[in-house]
Amino acid sequence: QKVMSSLDSVTSQLGSAFQMLENQNERLVSVNENLVELNNEKNEFLGIVAHDLKNPLASILLGIEMLQRYQDRMTSDQQAKRLGDMRTTSRRMQAIITNLLDVNAVDTGKFTLTPSEFNFSDAVRAVVEDYVERAKEKNITLNFEAESSDIIAFADNNATVQILDNLVSNA
């Protein structure tokens, strides 16, 4: 009877241990599924980041290439304009990188847009000008016309320019 009682006790303990093991396995499966989902989101995020940085970088490189290739044919004003465009694009890239560094703020819900007044026409014009040369290489004509050069927007300037850049680059 003692042996039977001991066997019942061991069987009960084994059953409890088995149940705990099954619960742990279920949790591991759930955690693994979450990790796979997070990894997919990370990969998608990195793809977006690469896209958002690739376009301005291509514009800067094209500007440098044009300066090197046509420097002797360009006026000082044309060279200054090209350099100014590259500076503007570099600053936009810097803003994108700064936003990427704020990912933790997004994750914690503390990310805030900074709306301010800015000339929307100028923002659109700058983005279009960044793509004119690349569009020409693909036999695409890119134009921008505004009824007014003073269309004022109240929004986050960097986010707006990033959206405009994505729209033009994807078009």
Protein backbone atom coordinates (compact mmCIF):
# COMPACT_ATOMS: atom_id res chain seq x y z
CA GLN A 1 0.00 0.00 0.00
CA LYS A 2 2.94 2.31 0.76
CA VAL A 3 4.40 1.58 -2.66
CA MET A 4 1.06 2.30 -4.33
CA SER A 5 0.73 5.54 -2.39
CA SER A 6 4.26 6.55 -3.38
CA LEU A 7 3.54 5.68 -7.01
CA ASP A 8 0.36 7.77 -6.92
CA SER A 9 2.31 10.68 -5.47
CA VAL A 10 5.07 10.38 -8.10
CA THR A 11 2.47 10.05 -10.86
CA SER A 12 0.70 13.16 -9.60
CA GLN A 13 4.00 15.07 -9.46
CA LEU A 14 4.89 13.92 -12.97
CA GLY A 15 1.47 14.99 -14.22
CA SER A 16 1.94 18.43 -12.66
CA ALA A 17 5.44 18.71 -14.12
CA PHE A 18 4.13 17.63 -17.54
CA GLN A 19 1.34 20.23 -17.36
CA MET A 20 3.86 22.94 -16.42
CA LEU A 21 6.06 21.85 -19.31
CA GLU A 22 3.15 22.06 -21.74
CA ASN A 23 2.25 25.53 -20.45
CA GLN A 24 5.85 26.66 -20.89
CA ASN A 25 5.91 25.23 -24.43
CA GLU A 26 2.72 27.14 -25.28
CA ARG A 27 4.29 30.34 -23.95
CA LEU A 28 7.46 29.68 -25.95
CA VAL A 29 5.44 29.15 -29.13
CA SER A 30 3.59 32.42 -28.48
CA VAL A 31 6.83 34.32 -27.75
CA ASN A 32 8.43 32.83 -30.86
CA GLU A 33 5.47 33.93 -33.01
CA ASN A 34 5.76 37.45 -31.55
CA LEU A 35 9.49 37.49 -32.27
CA VAL A 36 8.91 36.44 -35.89
CA GLU A 37 6.31 39.20 -36.26
CA LEU A 38 8.66 41.78 -34.70
CA ASN A 39 11.47 40.63 -36.99
CA ASN A 40 9.21 41.07 -40.03
CA GLU A 41 8.23 44.55 -38.83
CA LYS A 42 11.91 45.40 -38.31
CA ASN A 43 12.73 44.26 -41.84
CA GLU A 44 9.86 46.31 -43.27
CA PHE A 45 11.02 49.32 -41.25
CA LEU A 46 14.58 48.94 -42.52
CA GLY A 47 13.26 48.77 -46.08
CA ILE A 48 11.38 52.02 -45.56
CA VAL A 49 14.46 53.63 -44.00
CA ALA A 50 16.65 52.52 -46.89
CA HIS A 51 14.13 53.92 -49.38
CA ASP A 52 13.82 57.22 -47.51
CA LEU A 53 17.60 57.67 -47.39
CA LYS A 54 18.37 56.34 -50.85
CA ASN A 55 16.43 59.00 -52.73
CA PRO A 56 18.06 62.09 -51.20
CA LEU A 57 21.48 60.44 -51.38
CA ALA A 58 20.96 59.72 -55.09
CA SER A 59 20.04 63.38 -55.60
CA ILE A 60 23.21 64.54 -53.82
CA LEU A 61 25.39 62.14 -55.80
CA LEU A 62 23.81 63.25 -59.06
CA GLY A 63 24.46 66.88 -58.15
CA ILE A 64 28.11 66.12 -57.41
CA GLU A 65 28.42 64.20 -60.66
CA MET A 66 26.92 67.09 -62.64
CA LEU A 67 29.27 69.57 -60.96
CA GLN A 68 32.26 67.40 -61.76
CA ARG A 69 31.20 66.70 -65.33
CA TYR A 70 29.98 70.17 -66.33
CA GLN A 71 31.93 72.45 -64.01
CA ASP A 72 33.70 74.20 -66.86
CA ARG A 73 30.36 74.87 -68.61
CA MET A 74 28.40 76.03 -65.58
CA THR A 75 28.23 79.62 -64.42
CA SER A 76 29.05 80.48 -60.82
CA ASP A 77 25.33 80.98 -60.17
CA GLN A 78 24.51 77.54 -61.59
CA GLN A 79 27.22 75.96 -59.45
CA ALA A 80 26.00 77.82 -56.37
CA LYS A 81 22.41 76.70 -57.07
CA ARG A 82 23.49 73.06 -57.43
CA LEU A 83 25.48 73.27 -54.16
CA GLY A 84 22.51 74.90 -52.42
CA ASP A 85 20.23 72.12 -53.64
CA MET A 86 22.67 69.51 -52.32
CA ARG A 87 22.84 71.31 -48.96
CA THR A 88 19.03 71.36 -48.75
CA THR A 89 18.85 67.67 -49.62
CA SER A 90 21.59 66.87 -47.10
CA ARG A 91 19.64 68.68 -44.42
CA ARG A 92 16.54 66.69 -45.35
CA MET A 93 18.57 63.49 -45.01
CA GLN A 94 19.80 64.71 -41.65
CA ALA A 95 16.20 65.31 -40.57
CA ILE A 96 15.24 61.80 -41.69
CA ILE A 97 18.11 60.33 -39.67
CA THR A 98 17.15 62.43 -36.66
CA ASN A 99 13.60 61.12 -36.96
CA LEU A 100 14.91 57.57 -37.11
CA LEU A 101 16.81 58.14 -33.92
CA ASP A 102 13.50 59.12 -32.34
CA VAL A 103 12.11 55.61 -32.87
CA ASN A 104 12.21 55.04 -29.14
CA ALA A 105 9.95 58.04 -28.70
CA VAL A 106 7.51 56.49 -31.18
CA ASP A 107 7.62 53.17 -29.36
CA THR A 108 6.92 54.82 -26.02
CA GLY A 109 4.19 57.03 -27.46
CA LYS A 110 6.16 60.20 -26.78
CA PHE A 111 6.86 61.07 -30.43
CA THR A 112 5.38 64.40 -31.33
CA LEU A 113 5.13 66.20 -34.61
CA THR A 114 6.17 69.83 -34.57
CA PRO A 115 3.68 71.80 -36.63
CA SER A 116 4.71 75.21 -37.83
CA GLU A 117 3.91 77.53 -40.69
CA PHE A 118 5.96 77.05 -43.85
CA ASN A 119 5.65 77.76 -47.54
CA PHE A 120 4.12 74.61 -48.99
CA SER A 121 4.79 75.73 -52.58
CA ASP A 122 8.50 76.04 -51.81
CA ALA A 123 8.54 72.60 -50.21
CA VAL A 124 6.88 70.97 -53.24
CA ARG A 125 9.13 72.90 -55.64
CA ALA A 126 12.28 71.76 -53.76
CA VAL A 127 11.21 68.11 -53.86
CA VAL A 128 10.35 68.28 -57.56
CA GLU A 129 13.68 69.98 -58.33
CA ASP A 130 15.47 67.13 -56.53
CA TYR A 131 13.95 64.68 -59.01
CA VAL A 132 14.13 66.62 -62.29
CA GLU A 133 17.54 65.25 -63.33
CA ARG A 134 16.74 61.67 -62.34
CA ALA A 135 13.43 61.92 -64.20
CA LYS A 136 15.27 63.17 -67.32
CA GLU A 137 17.51 60.09 -67.18
CA LYS A 138 14.34 58.01 -67.48
CA ASN A 139 12.89 60.21 -70.24
CA ILE A 140 10.31 61.63 -67.85
CA THR A 141 9.46 65.30 -67.75
CA LEU A 142 8.72 66.57 -64.29
CA ASN A 143 6.97 69.93 -63.87
CA PHE A 144 5.57 71.88 -60.98
CA GLU A 145 3.23 74.83 -61.30
CA ALA A 146 1.40 76.57 -58.48
CA GLU A 147 -1.33 79.15 -58.75
CA SER A 148 0.37 80.99 -55.92
CA SER A 149 3.93 80.93 -54.67
CA ASP A 150 2.72 81.73 -51.15
CA ILE A 151 0.69 78.70 -50.13
CA ILE A 152 1.25 78.51 -46.40
CA ALA A 153 0.77 75.24 -44.57
CA PHE A 154 0.62 74.55 -40.87
CA ALA A 155 2.13 71.09 -40.42
CA ASP A 156 5.34 69.33 -39.48
CA ASN A 157 7.69 70.54 -42.22
CA ASN A 158 10.02 67.52 -42.12
CA ALA A 159 7.19 64.99 -42.17
CA THR A 160 5.48 66.86 -44.99
CA VAL A 161 8.64 66.97 -47.11
CA GLN A 162 9.23 63.27 -46.44
CA ILE A 163 5.68 62.48 -47.60
CA LEU A 164 6.11 64.65 -50.70
CA ASP A 165 9.43 62.97 -51.44
CA ASN A 166 7.83 59.54 -51.19
CA LEU A 167 4.96 60.57 -53.47
CA VAL A 168 7.24 61.98 -56.17
CA SER A 169 9.78 59.15 -55.97
CA ASN A 170 7.08 56.49 -56.15
CA ALA A 171 5.29 58.24 -59.00
